[in-house]
Amino acid sequence: MAKTATVTKKPGGKPTNKSVGKQQQTVWAPGMPFTKINYILMIGGLLVLLLGYIFLSGGGTDDPTKFSEAIFDVRRLYVAPITLVFAFLIELFAIMYRPKEKEAK
């Protein structure tokens, strides 16, 4: 997870840690952008995506001259797309989620 540090610059250009009336600049510390929770949510979203694509599968026929009504099943028309949209929302949340930082006392 990326942490921030506040650095204050004096007019001479030397950074100090004092923040009394000085201009503050946020500097990002290097680190991993995602935490364990982010990866768990991403894996969960991928599993729901897989389930949605499984719901979409099937409905074909072996004989190309015959029409199969199975492609208009409720599972393929409603359940699978809703599942896929829900899975993509989980993925978006997993990427954007940022846990609250604990304040040092």
PDB file of N, CA and C in Angstrom:
ATOM      1  N   MET A   1       0.846  -1.168   0.000  1.00  0.00           N
ATOM      2  CA  MET A   1       0.000   0.000   0.000  1.00  0.00           C
ATOM      3  C   MET A   1       0.888   1.225   0.000  1.00  0.00           C
ATOM      4  N   ALA A   2       0.562   2.189  -0.787  1.00  0.00           N
ATOM      5  CA  ALA A   2       1.345   3.413  -0.858  1.00  0.00           C
ATOM      6  C   ALA A   2       1.035   4.288   0.341  1.00  0.00           C
ATOM      7  N   LYS A   3       2.081   4.751   0.981  1.00  0.00           N
ATOM      8  CA  LYS A   3       1.919   5.626   2.136  1.00  0.00           C
ATOM      9  C   LYS A   3       2.357   7.025   1.750  1.00  0.00           C
ATOM     10  N   THR A   4       1.831   8.003   2.434  1.00  0.00           N
ATOM     11  CA  THR A   4       2.205   9.374   2.135  1.00  0.00           C
ATOM     12  C   THR A   4       3.048   9.940   3.261  1.00  0.00           C
ATOM     13  N   ALA A   5       3.904  10.866   2.882  1.00  0.00           N
ATOM     14  CA  ALA A   5       4.714  11.586   3.859  1.00  0.00           C
ATOM     15  C   ALA A   5       4.607  13.062   3.528  1.00  0.00           C
ATOM     16  N   THR A   6       4.483  13.877   4.547  1.00  0.00           N
ATOM     17  CA  THR A   6       4.378  15.318   4.326  1.00  0.00           C
ATOM     18  C   THR A   6       5.753  15.943   4.486  1.00  0.00           C
ATOM     19  N   VAL A   7       6.179  16.663   3.464  1.00  0.00           N
ATOM     20  CA  VAL A   7       7.479  17.330   3.479  1.00  0.00           C
ATOM     21  C   VAL A   7       7.231  18.813   3.277  1.00  0.00           C
ATOM     22  N   THR A   8       7.858  19.617   4.114  1.00  0.00           N
ATOM     23  CA  THR A   8       7.719  21.061   3.995  1.00  0.00           C
ATOM     24  C   THR A   8       9.032  21.638   3.497  1.00  0.00           C
ATOM     25  N   LYS A   9       8.930  22.511   2.499  1.00  0.00           N
ATOM     26  CA  LYS A   9      10.149  23.104   1.945  1.00  0.00           C
ATOM     27  C   LYS A   9      10.331  24.513   2.469  1.00  0.00           C
ATOM     28  N   LYS A  10      11.554  24.825   2.887  1.00  0.00           N
ATOM     29  CA  LYS A  10      11.911  26.181   3.276  1.00  0.00           C
ATOM     30  C   LYS A  10      12.192  26.978   2.013  1.00  0.00           C
ATOM     31  N   PRO A  11      12.170  28.290   2.120  1.00  0.00           N
ATOM     32  CA  PRO A  11      12.490  29.101   0.937  1.00  0.00           C
ATOM     33  C   PRO A  11      13.860  28.773   0.345  1.00  0.00           C
ATOM     34  N   GLY A  12      14.788  28.286   1.133  1.00  0.00           N
ATOM     35  CA  GLY A  12      16.117  27.941   0.640  1.00  0.00           C
ATOM     36  C   GLY A  12      16.141  26.633  -0.124  1.00  0.00           C
ATOM     37  N   GLY A  13      15.064  25.860  -0.090  1.00  0.00           N
ATOM     38  CA  GLY A  13      14.990  24.624  -0.838  1.00  0.00           C
ATOM     39  C   GLY A  13      15.248  23.377  -0.016  1.00  0.00           C
ATOM     40  N   LYS A  14      15.607  23.531   1.284  1.00  0.00           N
ATOM     41  CA  LYS A  14      15.866  22.369   2.121  1.00  0.00           C
ATOM     42  C   LYS A  14      14.565  21.855   2.720  1.00  0.00           C
ATOM     43  N   PRO A  15      14.256  20.551   2.576  1.00  0.00           N
ATOM     44  CA  PRO A  15      13.028  20.020   3.166  1.00  0.00           C
ATOM     45  C   PRO A  15      13.158  19.872   4.679  1.00  0.00           C
ATOM     46  N   THR A  16      12.098  20.184   5.391  1.00  0.00           N
ATOM     47  CA  THR A  16      12.039  19.996   6.830  1.00  0.00           C
ATOM     48  C   THR A  16      10.734  19.307   7.171  1.00  0.00           C
ATOM     49  N   ASN A  17      10.596  18.854   8.395  1.00  0.00           N
ATOM     50  CA  ASN A  17       9.378  18.186   8.837  1.00  0.00           C
ATOM     51  C   ASN A  17       8.455  19.120   9.601  1.00  0.00           C
ATOM     52  N   LYS A  18       8.811  20.382   9.744  1.00  0.00           N
ATOM     53  CA  LYS A  18       7.967  21.340  10.450  1.00  0.00           C
ATOM     54  C   LYS A  18       6.885  21.836   9.503  1.00  0.00           C
ATOM     55  N   SER A  19       5.674  22.020  10.033  1.00  0.00           N
ATOM     56  CA  SER A  19       4.576  22.466   9.178  1.00  0.00           C
ATOM     57  C   SER A  19       3.936  23.734   9.729  1.00  0.00           C
ATOM     58  N   VAL A  20       4.735  24.623  10.289  1.00  0.00           N
ATOM     59  CA  VAL A  20       4.219  25.858  10.865  1.00  0.00           C
ATOM     60  C   VAL A  20       4.236  26.933   9.788  1.00  0.00           C
ATOM     61  N   GLY A  21       3.087  27.160   9.156  1.00  0.00           N
ATOM     62  CA  GLY A  21       2.947  28.214   8.170  1.00  0.00           C
ATOM     63  C   GLY A  21       3.725  27.999   6.882  1.00  0.00           C
ATOM     64  N   LYS A  22       4.213  26.833   6.613  1.00  0.00           N
ATOM     65  CA  LYS A  22       4.981  26.560   5.401  1.00  0.00           C
ATOM     66  C   LYS A  22       4.099  25.836   4.386  1.00  0.00           C
ATOM     67  N   GLN A  23       4.496  25.880   3.129  1.00  0.00           N
ATOM     68  CA  GLN A  23       3.769  25.185   2.074  1.00  0.00           C
ATOM     69  C   GLN A  23       4.060  23.687   2.183  1.00  0.00           C
ATOM     70  N   GLN A  24       2.984  22.862   2.146  1.00  0.00           N
ATOM     71  CA  GLN A  24       3.160  21.418   2.289  1.00  0.00           C
ATOM     72  C   GLN A  24       3.008  20.738   0.940  1.00  0.00           C
ATOM     73  N   GLN A  25       3.824  19.727   0.736  1.00  0.00           N
ATOM     74  CA  GLN A  25       3.790  18.965  -0.499  1.00  0.00           C
ATOM     75  C   GLN A  25       3.711  17.492  -0.116  1.00  0.00           C
ATOM     76  N   THR A  26       2.784  16.761  -0.754  1.00  0.00           N
ATOM     77  CA  THR A  26       2.624  15.338  -0.464  1.00  0.00           C
ATOM     78  C   THR A  26       3.537  14.538  -1.373  1.00  0.00           C
ATOM     79  N   VAL A  27       4.314  13.640  -0.765  1.00  0.00           N
ATOM     80  CA  VAL A  27       5.230  12.781  -1.500  1.00  0.00           C
ATOM     81  C   VAL A  27       4.781  11.343  -1.280  1.00  0.00           C
ATOM     82  N   TRP A  28       4.602  10.595  -2.357  1.00  0.00           N
ATOM     83  CA  TRP A  28       4.172   9.203  -2.247  1.00  0.00           C
ATOM     84  C   TRP A  28       5.372   8.309  -2.003  1.00  0.00           C
ATOM     85  N   ALA A  29       5.257   7.482  -0.981  1.00  0.00           N
ATOM     86  CA  ALA A  29       6.309   6.520  -0.686  1.00  0.00           C
ATOM     87  C   ALA A  29       6.092   5.286  -1.560  1.00  0.00           C
ATOM     88  N   PRO A  30       7.151   4.668  -2.041  1.00  0.00           N
ATOM     89  CA  PRO A  30       6.981   3.483  -2.884  1.00  0.00           C
ATOM     90  C   PRO A  30       6.436   2.316  -2.072  1.00  0.00           C
ATOM     91  N   GLY A  31       5.716   1.462  -2.726  1.00  0.00           N
ATOM     92  CA  GLY A  31       5.167   0.287  -2.064  1.00  0.00           C
ATOM     93  C   GLY A  31       4.168  -0.402  -2.963  1.00  0.00           C
ATOM     94  N   MET A  32       3.574  -1.445  -2.448  1.00  0.00           N
ATOM     95  CA  MET A  32       2.592  -2.200  -3.214  1.00  0.00           C
ATOM     96  C   MET A  32       1.286  -1.410  -3.289  1.00  0.00           C
ATOM     97  N   PRO A  33       0.682  -1.321  -4.467  1.00  0.00           N
ATOM     98  CA  PRO A  33      -0.556  -0.550  -4.585  1.00  0.00           C
ATOM     99  C   PRO A  33      -1.770  -1.270  -3.997  1.00  0.00           C
ATOM    100  N   PHE A  34      -1.740  -2.596  -3.937  1.00  0.00           N
ATOM    101  CA  PHE A  34      -2.876  -3.370  -3.430  1.00  0.00           C
ATOM    102  C   PHE A  34      -2.498  -4.111  -2.164  1.00  0.00           C
ATOM    103  N   THR A  35      -3.505  -4.310  -1.315  1.00  0.00           N
ATOM    104  CA  THR A  35      -3.303  -5.084  -0.088  1.00  0.00           C
ATOM    105  C   THR A  35      -3.874  -6.484  -0.287  1.00  0.00           C
ATOM    106  N   LYS A  36      -3.792  -7.278   0.745  1.00  0.00           N
ATOM    107  CA  LYS A  36      -4.299  -8.649   0.688  1.00  0.00           C
ATOM    108  C   LYS A  36      -5.802  -8.656   0.417  1.00  0.00           C
ATOM    109  N   ILE A  37      -6.517  -7.706   1.011  1.00  0.00           N
ATOM    110  CA  ILE A  37      -7.974  -7.612   0.809  1.00  0.00           C
ATOM    111  C   ILE A  37      -8.288  -7.352  -0.658  1.00  0.00           C
ATOM    112  N   ASN A  38      -7.521  -6.484  -1.326  1.00  0.00           N
ATOM    113  CA  ASN A  38      -7.745  -6.195  -2.737  1.00  0.00           C
ATOM    114  C   ASN A  38      -7.618  -7.464  -3.583  1.00  0.00           C
ATOM    115  N   TYR A  39      -6.596  -8.250  -3.309  1.00  0.00           N
ATOM    116  CA  TYR A  39      -6.386  -9.471  -4.083  1.00  0.00           C
ATOM    117  C   TYR A  39      -7.491 -10.495  -3.813  1.00  0.00           C
ATOM    118  N   ILE A  40      -7.949 -10.589  -2.586  1.00  0.00           N
ATOM    119  CA  ILE A  40      -9.041 -11.516  -2.265  1.00  0.00           C
ATOM    120  C   ILE A  40     -10.318 -11.100  -2.999  1.00  0.00           C
ATOM    121  N   LEU A  41     -10.607  -9.799  -3.018  1.00  0.00           N
ATOM    122  CA  LEU A  41     -11.783  -9.308  -3.735  1.00  0.00           C
ATOM    123  C   LEU A  41     -11.648  -9.539  -5.239  1.00  0.00           C
ATOM    124  N   MET A  42     -10.450  -9.369  -5.783  1.00  0.00           N
ATOM    125  CA  MET A  42     -10.244  -9.609  -7.215  1.00  0.00           C
ATOM    126  C   MET A  42     -10.468 -11.076  -7.575  1.00  0.00           C
ATOM    127  N   ILE A  43      -9.971 -11.968  -6.739  1.00  0.00           N
ATOM    128  CA  ILE A  43     -10.168 -13.401  -6.989  1.00  0.00           C
ATOM    129  C   ILE A  43     -11.650 -13.746  -6.892  1.00  0.00           C
ATOM    130  N   GLY A  44     -12.347 -13.172  -5.910  1.00  0.00           N
ATOM    131  CA  GLY A  44     -13.788 -13.396  -5.794  1.00  0.00           C
ATOM    132  C   GLY A  44     -14.528 -12.883  -7.018  1.00  0.00           C
ATOM    133  N   GLY A  45     -14.141 -11.718  -7.520  1.00  0.00           N
ATOM    134  CA  GLY A  45     -14.754 -11.177  -8.729  1.00  0.00           C
ATOM    135  C   GLY A  45     -14.498 -12.053  -9.945  1.00  0.00           C
ATOM    136  N   LEU A  46     -13.297 -12.611 -10.040  1.00  0.00           N
ATOM    137  CA  LEU A  46     -12.989 -13.508 -11.151  1.00  0.00           C
ATOM    138  C   LEU A  46     -13.821 -14.790 -11.079  1.00  0.00           C
ATOM    139  N   LEU A  47     -14.051 -15.283  -9.881  1.00  0.00           N
ATOM    140  CA  LEU A  47     -14.883 -16.485  -9.731  1.00  0.00           C
ATOM    141  C   LEU A  47     -16.327 -16.201 -10.127  1.00  0.00           C
ATOM    142  N   VAL A  48     -16.840 -15.031  -9.764  1.00  0.00           N
ATOM    143  CA  VAL A  48     -18.202 -14.662 -10.162  1.00  0.00           C
ATOM    144  C   VAL A  48     -18.266 -14.454 -11.676  1.00  0.00           C
ATOM    145  N   LEU A  49     -17.211 -13.899 -12.286  1.00  0.00           N
ATOM    146  CA  LEU A  49     -17.143 -13.777 -13.742  1.00  0.00           C
ATOM    147  C   LEU A  49     -17.200 -15.150 -14.406  1.00  0.00           C
ATOM    148  N   LEU A  50     -16.436 -16.078 -13.883  1.00  0.00           N
ATOM    149  CA  LEU A  50     -16.430 -17.432 -14.412  1.00  0.00           C
ATOM    150  C   LEU A  50     -17.826 -18.049 -14.316  1.00  0.00           C
ATOM    151  N   LEU A  51     -18.494 -17.835 -13.211  1.00  0.00           N
ATOM    152  CA  LEU A  51     -19.852 -18.352 -13.030  1.00  0.00           C
ATOM    153  C   LEU A  51     -20.807 -17.729 -14.052  1.00  0.00           C
ATOM    154  N   GLY A  52     -20.676 -16.430 -14.304  1.00  0.00           N
ATOM    155  CA  GLY A  52     -21.515 -15.763 -15.295  1.00  0.00           C
ATOM    156  C   GLY A  52     -21.306 -16.320 -16.695  1.00  0.00           C
ATOM    157  N   TYR A  53     -20.065 -16.593 -17.061  1.00  0.00           N
ATOM    158  CA  TYR A  53     -19.801 -17.166 -18.382  1.00  0.00           C
ATOM    159  C   TYR A  53     -20.273 -18.613 -18.470  1.00  0.00           C
ATOM    160  N   ILE A  54     -20.251 -19.326 -17.368  1.00  0.00           N
ATOM    161  CA  ILE A  54     -20.811 -20.680 -17.358  1.00  0.00           C
ATOM    162  C   ILE A  54     -22.319 -20.618 -17.577  1.00  0.00           C
ATOM    163  N   PHE A  55     -22.983 -19.622 -16.976  1.00  0.00           N
ATOM    164  CA  PHE A  55     -24.425 -19.447 -17.196  1.00  0.00           C
ATOM    165  C   PHE A  55     -24.730 -19.149 -18.667  1.00  0.00           C
ATOM    166  N   LEU A  56     -23.831 -18.479 -19.364  1.00  0.00           N
ATOM    167  CA  LEU A  56     -24.049 -18.154 -20.765  1.00  0.00           C
ATOM    168  C   LEU A  56     -23.870 -19.352 -21.692  1.00  0.00           C
ATOM    169  N   SER A  57     -23.153 -20.355 -21.261  1.00  0.00           N
ATOM    170  CA  SER A  57     -22.806 -21.465 -22.148  1.00  0.00           C
ATOM    171  C   SER A  57     -24.008 -22.365 -22.427  1.00  0.00           C
ATOM    172  N   GLY A  58     -23.881 -23.148 -23.473  1.00  0.00           N
ATOM    173  CA  GLY A  58     -24.899 -24.131 -23.829  1.00  0.00           C
ATOM    174  C   GLY A  58     -25.965 -23.563 -24.741  1.00  0.00           C
ATOM    175  N   GLY A  59     -27.016 -24.335 -24.938  1.00  0.00           N
ATOM    176  CA  GLY A  59     -28.140 -23.897 -25.749  1.00  0.00           C
ATOM    177  C   GLY A  59     -27.986 -24.181 -27.221  1.00  0.00           C
ATOM    178  N   GLY A  60     -26.964 -24.882 -27.592  1.00  0.00           N
ATOM    179  CA  GLY A  60     -26.756 -25.186 -29.002  1.00  0.00           C
ATOM    180  C   GLY A  60     -27.453 -26.481 -29.397  1.00  0.00           C
ATOM    181  N   THR A  61     -27.355 -26.826 -30.640  1.00  0.00           N
ATOM    182  CA  THR A  61     -27.930 -28.068 -31.138  1.00  0.00           C
ATOM    183  C   THR A  61     -26.915 -28.764 -32.037  1.00  0.00           C
ATOM    184  N   ASP A  62     -27.047 -30.070 -32.134  1.00  0.00           N
ATOM    185  CA  ASP A  62     -26.124 -30.836 -32.967  1.00  0.00           C
ATOM    186  C   ASP A  62     -26.496 -30.742 -34.449  1.00  0.00           C
ATOM    187  N   ASP A  63     -27.775 -30.555 -34.738  1.00  0.00           N
ATOM    188  CA  ASP A  63     -28.245 -30.499 -36.112  1.00  0.00           C
ATOM    189  C   ASP A  63     -28.379 -29.031 -36.538  1.00  0.00           C
ATOM    190  N   PRO A  64     -27.576 -28.558 -37.480  1.00  0.00           N
ATOM    191  CA  PRO A  64     -27.626 -27.153 -37.871  1.00  0.00           C
ATOM    192  C   PRO A  64     -28.909 -26.756 -38.612  1.00  0.00           C
ATOM    193  N   THR A  65     -29.710 -27.729 -39.044  1.00  0.00           N
ATOM    194  CA  THR A  65     -30.944 -27.392 -39.755  1.00  0.00           C
ATOM    195  C   THR A  65     -32.122 -27.186 -38.804  1.00  0.00           C
ATOM    196  N   LYS A  66     -31.961 -27.524 -37.539  1.00  0.00           N
ATOM    197  CA  LYS A  66     -33.044 -27.362 -36.568  1.00  0.00           C
ATOM    198  C   LYS A  66     -32.747 -26.189 -35.635  1.00  0.00           C
ATOM    199  N   PHE A  67     -33.803 -25.470 -35.263  1.00  0.00           N
ATOM    200  CA  PHE A  67     -33.686 -24.327 -34.370  1.00  0.00           C
ATOM    201  C   PHE A  67     -33.900 -24.787 -32.934  1.00  0.00           C
ATOM    202  N   SER A  68     -33.072 -24.306 -32.030  1.00  0.00           N
ATOM    203  CA  SER A  68     -33.177 -24.674 -30.622  1.00  0.00           C
ATOM    204  C   SER A  68     -33.728 -23.498 -29.823  1.00  0.00           C
ATOM    205  N   GLU A  69     -34.814 -23.719 -29.117  1.00  0.00           N
ATOM    206  CA  GLU A  69     -35.404 -22.685 -28.256  1.00  0.00           C
ATOM    207  C   GLU A  69     -34.606 -22.502 -26.959  1.00  0.00           C
ATOM    208  N   ALA A  70     -33.639 -23.360 -26.713  1.00  0.00           N
ATOM    209  CA  ALA A  70     -32.868 -23.303 -25.474  1.00  0.00           C
ATOM    210  C   ALA A  70     -32.012 -22.039 -25.372  1.00  0.00           C
ATOM    211  N   ILE A  71     -31.766 -21.368 -26.498  1.00  0.00           N
ATOM    212  CA  ILE A  71     -30.950 -20.154 -26.429  1.00  0.00           C
ATOM    213  C   ILE A  71     -31.714 -18.995 -25.799  1.00  0.00           C
ATOM    214  N   PHE A  72     -33.033 -19.109 -25.710  1.00  0.00           N
ATOM    215  CA  PHE A  72     -33.852 -18.057 -25.112  1.00  0.00           C
ATOM    216  C   PHE A  72     -34.248 -18.394 -23.687  1.00  0.00           C
ATOM    217  N   ASP A  73     -33.442 -19.159 -23.031  1.00  0.00           N
ATOM    218  CA  ASP A  73     -33.691 -19.548 -21.646  1.00  0.00           C
ATOM    219  C   ASP A  73     -33.500 -18.343 -20.726  1.00  0.00           C
ATOM    220  N   VAL A  74     -34.213 -18.334 -19.601  1.00  0.00           N
ATOM    221  CA  VAL A  74     -34.106 -17.243 -18.622  1.00  0.00           C
ATOM    222  C   VAL A  74     -32.680 -17.140 -18.085  1.00  0.00           C
ATOM    223  N   ARG A  75     -32.039 -18.271 -17.943  1.00  0.00           N
ATOM    224  CA  ARG A  75     -30.665 -18.277 -17.429  1.00  0.00           C
ATOM    225  C   ARG A  75     -29.731 -17.494 -18.338  1.00  0.00           C
ATOM    226  N   ARG A  76     -29.870 -17.654 -19.646  1.00  0.00           N
ATOM    227  CA  ARG A  76     -28.990 -16.981 -20.606  1.00  0.00           C
ATOM    228  C   ARG A  76     -29.379 -15.524 -20.848  1.00  0.00           C
ATOM    229  N   LEU A  77     -30.672 -15.214 -20.781  1.00  0.00           N
ATOM    230  CA  LEU A  77     -31.121 -13.856 -21.090  1.00  0.00           C
ATOM    231  C   LEU A  77     -31.069 -12.904 -19.906  1.00  0.00           C
ATOM    232  N   TYR A  78     -31.247 -13.404 -18.692  1.00  0.00           N
ATOM    233  CA  TYR A  78     -31.346 -12.518 -17.527  1.00  0.00           C
ATOM    234  C   TYR A  78     -30.300 -12.807 -16.449  1.00  0.00           C
ATOM    235  N   VAL A  79     -30.174 -14.055 -16.061  1.00  0.00           N
ATOM    236  CA  VAL A  79     -29.298 -14.391 -14.932  1.00  0.00           C
ATOM    237  C   VAL A  79     -27.824 -14.159 -15.282  1.00  0.00           C
ATOM    238  N   ALA A  80     -27.396 -14.628 -16.444  1.00  0.00           N
ATOM    239  CA  ALA A  80     -25.987 -14.499 -16.818  1.00  0.00           C
ATOM    240  C   ALA A  80     -25.545 -13.042 -16.975  1.00  0.00           C
ATOM    241  N   PRO A  81     -26.289 -12.191 -17.700  1.00  0.00           N
ATOM    242  CA  PRO A  81     -25.833 -10.794 -17.802  1.00  0.00           C
ATOM    243  C   PRO A  81     -25.826 -10.061 -16.466  1.00  0.00           C
ATOM    244  N   ILE A  82     -26.812 -10.322 -15.622  1.00  0.00           N
ATOM    245  CA  ILE A  82     -26.825  -9.672 -14.298  1.00  0.00           C
ATOM    246  C   ILE A  82     -25.639 -10.137 -13.472  1.00  0.00           C
ATOM    247  N   THR A  83     -25.323 -11.427 -13.558  1.00  0.00           N
ATOM    248  CA  THR A  83     -24.170 -11.969 -12.837  1.00  0.00           C
ATOM    249  C   THR A  83     -22.875 -11.335 -13.338  1.00  0.00           C
ATOM    250  N   LEU A  84     -22.753 -11.165 -14.643  1.00  0.00           N
ATOM    251  CA  LEU A  84     -21.537 -10.568 -15.206  1.00  0.00           C
ATOM    252  C   LEU A  84     -21.390  -9.102 -14.813  1.00  0.00           C
ATOM    253  N   VAL A  85     -22.474  -8.353 -14.829  1.00  0.00           N
ATOM    254  CA  VAL A  85     -22.400  -6.941 -14.409  1.00  0.00           C
ATOM    255  C   VAL A  85     -22.002  -6.856 -12.935  1.00  0.00           C
ATOM    256  N   PHE A  86     -22.599  -7.714 -12.108  1.00  0.00           N
ATOM    257  CA  PHE A  86     -22.248  -7.756 -10.688  1.00  0.00           C
ATOM    258  C   PHE A  86     -20.766  -8.097 -10.502  1.00  0.00           C
ATOM    259  N   ALA A  87     -20.250  -9.036 -11.303  1.00  0.00           N
ATOM    260  CA  ALA A  87     -18.841  -9.429 -11.199  1.00  0.00           C
ATOM    261  C   ALA A  87     -17.917  -8.273 -11.590  1.00  0.00           C
ATOM    262  N   PHE A  88     -18.276  -7.538 -12.646  1.00  0.00           N
ATOM    263  CA  PHE A  88     -17.445  -6.404 -13.033  1.00  0.00           C
ATOM    264  C   PHE A  88     -17.485  -5.290 -11.981  1.00  0.00           C
ATOM    265  N   LEU A  89     -18.606  -5.127 -11.311  1.00  0.00           N
ATOM    266  CA  LEU A  89     -18.677  -4.153 -10.216  1.00  0.00           C
ATOM    267  C   LEU A  89     -17.798  -4.585  -9.042  1.00  0.00           C
ATOM    268  N   ILE A  90     -17.761  -5.883  -8.768  1.00  0.00           N
ATOM    269  CA  ILE A  90     -16.864  -6.398  -7.718  1.00  0.00           C
ATOM    270  C   ILE A  90     -15.417  -6.104  -8.082  1.00  0.00           C
ATOM    271  N   GLU A  91     -15.056  -6.344  -9.341  1.00  0.00           N
ATOM    272  CA  GLU A  91     -13.686  -6.080  -9.790  1.00  0.00           C
ATOM    273  C   GLU A  91     -13.338  -4.597  -9.670  1.00  0.00           C
ATOM    274  N   LEU A  92     -14.265  -3.741 -10.061  1.00  0.00           N
ATOM    275  CA  LEU A  92     -14.029  -2.302  -9.944  1.00  0.00           C
ATOM    276  C   LEU A  92     -13.838  -1.901  -8.484  1.00  0.00           C
ATOM    277  N   PHE A  93     -14.674  -2.433  -7.606  1.00  0.00           N
ATOM    278  CA  PHE A  93     -14.526  -2.139  -6.179  1.00  0.00           C
ATOM    279  C   PHE A  93     -13.198  -2.668  -5.651  1.00  0.00           C
ATOM    280  N   ALA A  94     -12.796  -3.863  -6.093  1.00  0.00           N
ATOM    281  CA  ALA A  94     -11.533  -4.456  -5.628  1.00  0.00           C
ATOM    282  C   ALA A  94     -10.344  -3.602  -6.025  1.00  0.00           C
ATOM    283  N   ILE A  95     -10.404  -2.992  -7.204  1.00  0.00           N
ATOM    284  CA  ILE A  95      -9.295  -2.151  -7.656  1.00  0.00           C
ATOM    285  C   ILE A  95      -9.293  -0.816  -6.920  1.00  0.00           C
ATOM    286  N   MET A  96     -10.471  -0.259  -6.682  1.00  0.00           N
ATOM    287  CA  MET A  96     -10.562   1.068  -6.081  1.00  0.00           C
ATOM    288  C   MET A  96     -10.506   1.058  -4.548  1.00  0.00           C
ATOM    289  N   TYR A  97     -10.699  -0.093  -3.928  1.00  0.00           N
ATOM    290  CA  TYR A  97     -10.764  -0.167  -2.465  1.00  0.00           C
ATOM    291  C   TYR A  97      -9.431   0.210  -1.842  1.00  0.00           C
ATOM    292  N   ARG A  98      -9.518   1.048  -0.842  1.00  0.00           N
ATOM    293  CA  ARG A  98      -8.324   1.475  -0.101  1.00  0.00           C
ATOM    294  C   ARG A  98      -8.673   1.437   1.383  1.00  0.00           C
ATOM    295  N   PRO A  99      -8.062   0.528   2.143  1.00  0.00           N
ATOM    296  CA  PRO A  99      -8.398   0.438   3.571  1.00  0.00           C
ATOM    297  C   PRO A  99      -7.979   1.690   4.327  1.00  0.00           C
ATOM    298  N   LYS A 100      -8.731   1.984   5.369  1.00  0.00           N
ATOM    299  CA  LYS A 100      -8.410   3.150   6.191  1.00  0.00           C
ATOM    300  C   LYS A 100      -7.099   2.901   6.927  1.00  0.00           C
ATOM    301  N   GLU A 101      -6.288   3.941   6.976  1.00  0.00           N
ATOM    302  CA  GLU A 101      -5.010   3.827   7.661  1.00  0.00           C
ATOM    303  C   GLU A 101      -5.201   4.031   9.156  1.00  0.00           C
ATOM    304  N   LYS A 102      -4.523   3.224   9.939  1.00  0.00           N
ATOM    305  CA  LYS A 102      -4.591   3.362  11.394  1.00  0.00           C
ATOM    306  C   LYS A 102      -3.714   4.534  11.815  1.00  0.00           C
ATOM    307  N   GLU A 103      -4.282   5.371  12.660  1.00  0.00           N
ATOM    308  CA  GLU A 103      -3.535   6.533  13.137  1.00  0.00           C
ATOM    309  C   GLU A 103      -2.567   6.104  14.235  1.00  0.00           C
ATOM    310  N   ALA A 104      -1.342   6.590  14.166  1.00  0.00           N
ATOM    311  CA  ALA A 104      -0.330   6.294  15.183  1.00  0.00           C
ATOM    312  C   ALA A 104      -0.588   7.191  16.391  1.00  0.00           C
ATOM    313  N   LYS A 105      -0.598   6.569  17.581  1.00  0.00           N
ATOM    314  CA  LYS A 105      -0.845   7.333  18.810  1.00  0.00           C
ATOM    315  C   LYS A 105       0.411   7.410  19.637  1.00  0.00           C
TER     316      LYS A 105
END
